[in-house]
N, C-alpha and C. Protein backbone atom coordinates (compact mmCIF):
# COMPACT_ATOMS: atom_id res chain seq x y z
N MET A 1 -0.90 -6.79 -4.82
CA MET A 1 -1.74 -7.23 -5.88
C MET A 1 -2.32 -8.61 -5.54
N LEU A 2 -3.85 -8.89 -5.54
CA LEU A 2 -4.60 -9.95 -5.68
C LEU A 2 -4.45 -10.64 -7.01
N LYS A 3 -4.52 -12.03 -6.66
CA LYS A 3 -4.68 -12.84 -7.85
C LYS A 3 -6.40 -13.19 -7.94
N ILE A 4 -6.93 -12.63 -8.97
CA ILE A 4 -8.14 -12.57 -9.08
C ILE A 4 -8.50 -13.99 -10.01
N PRO A 5 -9.39 -14.99 -9.42
CA PRO A 5 -9.55 -15.99 -9.97
C PRO A 5 -10.71 -16.05 -11.02
N LYS A 6 -11.30 -17.30 -11.74
CA LYS A 6 -12.44 -17.03 -12.65
C LYS A 6 -13.31 -17.59 -12.08
N LYS A 7 -13.49 -18.21 -10.90
CA LYS A 7 -14.40 -18.81 -9.78
C LYS A 7 -14.06 -18.22 -8.24
N ILE A 8 -15.10 -17.87 -7.74
CA ILE A 8 -14.82 -18.08 -6.17
C ILE A 8 -16.07 -18.44 -5.51
N LYS A 9 -15.83 -19.20 -4.36
CA LYS A 9 -17.03 -19.95 -3.61
C LYS A 9 -17.42 -18.99 -2.50
N ILE A 10 -18.60 -18.43 -2.41
CA ILE A 10 -18.84 -17.76 -1.15
C ILE A 10 -20.28 -18.50 -0.61
N GLY A 11 -20.21 -18.69 0.87
CA GLY A 11 -21.63 -19.33 1.17
C GLY A 11 -22.19 -20.34 0.47
N GLY A 12 -21.45 -21.31 0.15
CA GLY A 12 -21.72 -22.52 -0.45
C GLY A 12 -22.06 -22.41 -2.11
N LEU A 13 -21.92 -21.24 -2.75
CA LEU A 13 -22.36 -21.07 -3.98
C LEU A 13 -20.99 -20.70 -5.03
N VAL A 14 -20.60 -20.89 -5.94
CA VAL A 14 -19.68 -20.82 -6.85
C VAL A 14 -20.09 -19.72 -7.79
N TYR A 15 -19.27 -18.69 -7.77
CA TYR A 15 -19.86 -17.45 -8.48
C TYR A 15 -18.77 -17.42 -9.59
N ASP A 16 -18.83 -17.19 -10.72
CA ASP A 16 -18.13 -16.85 -11.86
C ASP A 16 -17.60 -15.42 -11.76
N ILE A 17 -16.47 -15.18 -12.09
CA ILE A 17 -15.98 -13.63 -12.14
C ILE A 17 -15.57 -13.46 -13.46
N VAL A 18 -16.41 -12.31 -13.93
CA VAL A 18 -16.51 -12.05 -15.54
C VAL A 18 -15.83 -10.36 -15.30
N LYS A 19 -14.93 -10.30 -16.32
CA LYS A 19 -14.50 -8.90 -16.55
C LYS A 19 -15.20 -8.34 -17.77
N VAL A 20 -15.61 -6.82 -17.72
CA VAL A 20 -16.35 -6.64 -18.45
C VAL A 20 -15.85 -4.99 -18.83
N ASP A 21 -16.27 -4.46 -19.83
CA ASP A 21 -15.79 -3.08 -20.27
C ASP A 21 -16.71 -2.00 -19.51
N GLU A 22 -17.88 -2.29 -19.17
CA GLU A 22 -18.67 -1.19 -18.68
C GLU A 22 -19.79 -1.97 -17.79
N ILE A 23 -20.16 -1.49 -16.55
CA ILE A 23 -21.17 -2.17 -15.73
C ILE A 23 -21.98 -1.05 -15.24
N THR A 24 -23.29 -1.18 -15.32
CA THR A 24 -24.33 -0.34 -15.07
C THR A 24 -25.06 -0.78 -13.98
N VAL A 25 -25.67 -0.15 -12.83
CA VAL A 25 -26.60 -0.79 -12.16
C VAL A 25 -27.60 0.24 -11.81
N GLN A 26 -28.67 0.14 -11.92
CA GLN A 26 -29.93 1.15 -12.11
C GLN A 26 -29.48 2.40 -12.57
N ASP A 27 -29.05 2.08 -13.84
CA ASP A 27 -28.41 3.47 -14.67
C ASP A 27 -27.31 3.93 -13.92
N THR A 28 -26.72 3.67 -13.10
CA THR A 28 -25.24 4.37 -12.55
C THR A 28 -24.14 3.61 -13.10
N PRO A 29 -23.31 3.96 -13.45
CA PRO A 29 -22.02 3.18 -13.72
C PRO A 29 -21.29 2.91 -12.39
N VAL A 30 -20.60 1.50 -12.37
CA VAL A 30 -20.30 1.24 -11.22
C VAL A 30 -19.01 0.37 -11.52
N ALA A 31 -18.13 0.02 -10.76
CA ALA A 31 -16.65 -0.52 -11.16
C ALA A 31 -16.93 -2.20 -10.88
N GLY A 32 -17.99 -2.41 -10.25
CA GLY A 32 -18.06 -3.69 -9.82
C GLY A 32 -19.74 -4.24 -9.48
N SER A 33 -19.97 -5.60 -9.56
CA SER A 33 -21.22 -5.71 -9.07
C SER A 33 -21.39 -7.42 -8.63
N ILE A 34 -22.25 -7.58 -8.05
CA ILE A 34 -22.37 -9.08 -7.61
C ILE A 34 -23.91 -9.39 -7.66
N SER A 35 -24.22 -10.63 -8.44
CA SER A 35 -25.55 -11.27 -8.38
C SER A 35 -25.77 -12.50 -7.75
N PRO A 36 -26.01 -12.68 -6.57
CA PRO A 36 -26.31 -14.08 -6.15
C PRO A 36 -27.15 -15.16 -7.05
N SER A 37 -28.36 -14.43 -7.57
CA SER A 37 -29.20 -15.10 -8.53
C SER A 37 -28.34 -15.39 -9.50
N ARG A 38 -27.61 -15.10 -10.04
CA ARG A 38 -26.95 -15.31 -11.31
C ARG A 38 -25.67 -15.98 -10.84
N GLN A 39 -25.29 -16.00 -9.62
CA GLN A 39 -23.97 -16.67 -9.30
C GLN A 39 -22.74 -15.94 -10.24
N GLU A 40 -22.80 -14.53 -10.07
CA GLU A 40 -21.67 -13.80 -10.93
C GLU A 40 -21.32 -12.46 -10.44
N ILE A 41 -20.01 -12.42 -10.41
CA ILE A 41 -19.43 -11.03 -9.98
C ILE A 41 -18.82 -10.41 -11.25
N GLN A 42 -19.15 -9.38 -11.58
CA GLN A 42 -18.75 -8.46 -12.73
C GLN A 42 -17.67 -7.62 -12.12
N LEU A 43 -16.64 -7.62 -12.86
CA LEU A 43 -15.59 -6.48 -12.63
C LEU A 43 -15.29 -5.74 -13.81
N GLU A 44 -15.17 -4.40 -13.76
CA GLU A 44 -14.88 -3.60 -14.79
C GLU A 44 -13.49 -3.60 -15.13
N THR A 45 -12.89 -3.66 -16.43
CA THR A 45 -11.61 -3.60 -16.84
C THR A 45 -11.14 -2.22 -16.71
N GLY A 46 -9.91 -2.13 -16.89
CA GLY A 46 -9.41 -0.85 -17.17
C GLY A 46 -8.48 0.01 -15.85
N TYR A 47 -8.70 -0.59 -14.73
CA TYR A 47 -8.50 0.01 -13.55
C TYR A 47 -7.23 -0.50 -13.17
N LYS A 48 -6.18 0.54 -12.13
CA LYS A 48 -5.13 0.18 -11.81
C LYS A 48 -5.13 -1.18 -10.75
N ASP A 49 -4.20 -1.97 -10.53
CA ASP A 49 -4.44 -3.10 -9.58
C ASP A 49 -4.94 -2.87 -8.28
N ASN A 50 -4.45 -1.81 -7.61
CA ASN A 50 -4.83 -1.62 -6.14
C ASN A 50 -6.42 -1.50 -6.20
N PHE A 51 -6.90 -0.61 -7.26
CA PHE A 51 -8.31 -0.39 -7.26
C PHE A 51 -9.18 -1.73 -7.53
N SER A 52 -8.65 -2.20 -8.33
CA SER A 52 -9.33 -3.49 -8.83
C SER A 52 -9.30 -4.79 -7.64
N ASP A 53 -8.04 -4.50 -6.97
CA ASP A 53 -8.30 -5.48 -5.85
C ASP A 53 -9.37 -4.97 -4.68
N THR A 54 -9.42 -3.52 -4.75
CA THR A 54 -10.48 -3.27 -4.01
C THR A 54 -11.77 -3.37 -4.16
N VAL A 55 -11.98 -3.41 -5.50
CA VAL A 55 -13.42 -3.45 -6.11
C VAL A 55 -13.90 -5.16 -5.91
N PHE A 56 -12.85 -6.05 -6.43
CA PHE A 56 -12.98 -7.41 -5.83
C PHE A 56 -13.48 -7.77 -4.48
N LEU A 57 -12.62 -7.26 -3.79
CA LEU A 57 -12.78 -7.52 -2.04
C LEU A 57 -14.44 -6.85 -1.80
N HIS A 58 -14.65 -5.70 -2.42
CA HIS A 58 -15.88 -5.06 -2.13
C HIS A 58 -16.89 -6.00 -2.42
N GLU A 59 -16.76 -6.56 -3.74
CA GLU A 59 -18.07 -7.52 -4.20
C GLU A 59 -18.06 -8.68 -3.31
N ILE A 60 -16.88 -9.34 -2.93
CA ILE A 60 -17.00 -10.51 -2.08
C ILE A 60 -17.73 -9.97 -0.64
N LEU A 61 -17.20 -9.09 -0.19
CA LEU A 61 -17.86 -8.52 1.17
C LEU A 61 -19.53 -8.49 1.00
N HIS A 62 -19.99 -7.96 -0.02
CA HIS A 62 -21.48 -7.96 -0.78
C HIS A 62 -21.86 -9.62 -0.50
N GLY A 63 -21.20 -10.60 -1.11
CA GLY A 63 -21.50 -11.84 -1.13
C GLY A 63 -21.73 -12.48 0.25
N ILE A 64 -20.32 -12.09 1.12
CA ILE A 64 -20.54 -12.71 2.51
C ILE A 64 -21.63 -12.13 3.36
N ALA A 65 -22.09 -10.71 3.09
CA ALA A 65 -23.25 -10.14 3.89
C ALA A 65 -24.41 -10.97 3.35
N TYR A 66 -24.76 -11.36 2.12
CA TYR A 66 -25.59 -11.81 1.83
C TYR A 66 -26.06 -13.08 2.24
N HIS A 67 -24.68 -13.98 2.28
CA HIS A 67 -24.87 -15.40 2.57
C HIS A 67 -25.15 -15.61 4.01
N THR A 68 -24.80 -14.83 4.58
CA THR A 68 -24.81 -14.76 6.17
C THR A 68 -26.16 -14.23 6.57
N GLY A 69 -26.94 -13.59 5.74
CA GLY A 69 -28.14 -13.13 6.12
C GLY A 69 -28.36 -11.86 6.40
N ARG A 70 -27.13 -11.01 6.12
CA ARG A 70 -27.26 -9.61 6.53
C ARG A 70 -27.44 -8.61 5.38
N MET A 71 -28.80 -8.48 5.02
CA MET A 71 -29.43 -7.91 4.06
C MET A 71 -28.87 -6.33 4.23
N ASP A 72 -29.12 -6.27 5.68
CA ASP A 72 -28.74 -4.50 6.05
C ASP A 72 -27.48 -4.48 5.35
N LEU A 73 -26.34 -5.27 5.67
CA LEU A 73 -24.94 -4.87 5.23
C LEU A 73 -24.92 -4.90 3.68
N PHE A 74 -25.46 -6.04 3.27
CA PHE A 74 -25.36 -6.37 1.84
C PHE A 74 -25.43 -5.02 0.96
N GLU A 75 -26.49 -4.20 1.51
CA GLU A 75 -26.75 -2.92 0.79
C GLU A 75 -26.43 -1.81 1.26
N ASP A 76 -25.72 -1.82 2.12
CA ASP A 76 -25.01 -0.53 2.91
C ASP A 76 -23.31 -0.52 2.14
N GLU A 77 -23.23 0.36 1.19
CA GLU A 77 -22.15 0.69 0.38
C GLU A 77 -21.04 1.11 1.42
N SER A 78 -21.33 2.13 2.21
CA SER A 78 -20.36 2.88 3.17
C SER A 78 -19.79 1.81 4.17
N ILE A 79 -20.31 0.83 4.58
CA ILE A 79 -19.61 -0.23 5.48
C ILE A 79 -18.87 -1.34 4.45
N ILE A 80 -19.26 -1.75 3.39
CA ILE A 80 -18.79 -2.59 2.36
C ILE A 80 -17.72 -1.95 1.94
N ASP A 81 -17.61 -0.54 1.57
CA ASP A 81 -16.30 0.24 1.03
C ASP A 81 -15.40 0.35 2.39
N CYS A 82 -15.66 0.63 3.46
CA CYS A 82 -14.61 0.67 4.88
C CYS A 82 -14.11 -0.71 4.74
N PHE A 83 -14.61 -1.63 4.89
CA PHE A 83 -13.89 -2.92 4.94
C PHE A 83 -13.16 -3.19 3.77
N ALA A 84 -13.41 -2.88 2.61
CA ALA A 84 -12.98 -3.32 1.31
C ALA A 84 -11.45 -2.50 1.29
N ASN A 85 -11.66 -1.46 1.67
CA ASN A 85 -10.42 -0.30 1.59
C ASN A 85 -9.48 -0.85 2.69
N GLY A 86 -9.96 -1.30 3.91
CA GLY A 86 -9.18 -1.67 4.96
C GLY A 86 -8.38 -3.09 4.49
N LEU A 87 -9.16 -4.04 4.13
CA LEU A 87 -8.53 -5.13 3.60
C LEU A 87 -7.51 -5.07 2.55
N THR A 88 -7.95 -4.25 1.71
CA THR A 88 -7.10 -4.02 0.62
C THR A 88 -5.52 -3.57 1.17
N ALA A 89 -5.63 -2.38 2.18
CA ALA A 89 -4.34 -1.68 2.72
C ALA A 89 -3.77 -3.00 3.52
N LEU A 90 -4.53 -3.63 4.25
CA LEU A 90 -3.82 -4.80 5.22
C LEU A 90 -2.97 -5.64 4.27
N ILE A 91 -3.74 -6.27 3.29
CA ILE A 91 -2.89 -7.01 2.35
C ILE A 91 -1.78 -6.56 1.62
N ASN A 92 -1.75 -5.34 1.19
CA ASN A 92 -0.69 -4.51 0.56
C ASN A 92 0.31 -4.36 1.33
N ASP A 93 0.00 -4.02 2.70
CA ASP A 93 1.08 -3.47 3.36
C ASP A 93 1.48 -4.66 4.45
N ASN A 94 1.31 -5.74 4.44
CA ASN A 94 1.69 -7.03 5.04
C ASN A 94 2.01 -7.95 4.07
N LYS A 95 2.93 -7.77 2.82
CA LYS A 95 3.06 -8.96 2.04
C LYS A 95 3.24 -10.29 2.65
N GLY A 96 2.81 -11.26 1.99
CA GLY A 96 2.63 -12.79 2.47
C GLY A 96 1.61 -13.21 3.53
N ILE A 97 0.63 -12.06 3.94
CA ILE A 97 0.04 -12.23 4.96
C ILE A 97 -1.00 -13.60 4.52
N LEU A 98 -1.24 -13.69 3.14
CA LEU A 98 -2.18 -14.54 2.90
C LEU A 98 -1.48 -15.72 2.27
N ALA A 99 -1.93 -16.97 2.65
CA ALA A 99 -1.23 -18.16 2.22
C ALA A 99 -1.36 -18.44 0.88
N THR A 100 -0.57 -18.78 0.15
CA THR A 100 -0.63 -19.24 -1.33
C THR A 100 -0.85 -20.72 -1.48
């Protein structure tokens, strides 16, 4: 399980991490979203830890793609999902891999 902070720095910008009851993007319910212009990551509450971790990493990966100028990746949900799921599994399967 990841410790989700209240703020995170991605590409030189500090993003507020806001937990909300419901998120809708273009009339579609989603579990998380990132807005570089508002410097905010929204995470929907009510999910189990592993899924919340994956959503958090998913939004971070969108932020990394945005800040490295890879708008093709920023908008490609399948690639972002692939890496978010892979990172979640790697972190959970290898306890202690991340320095504290």
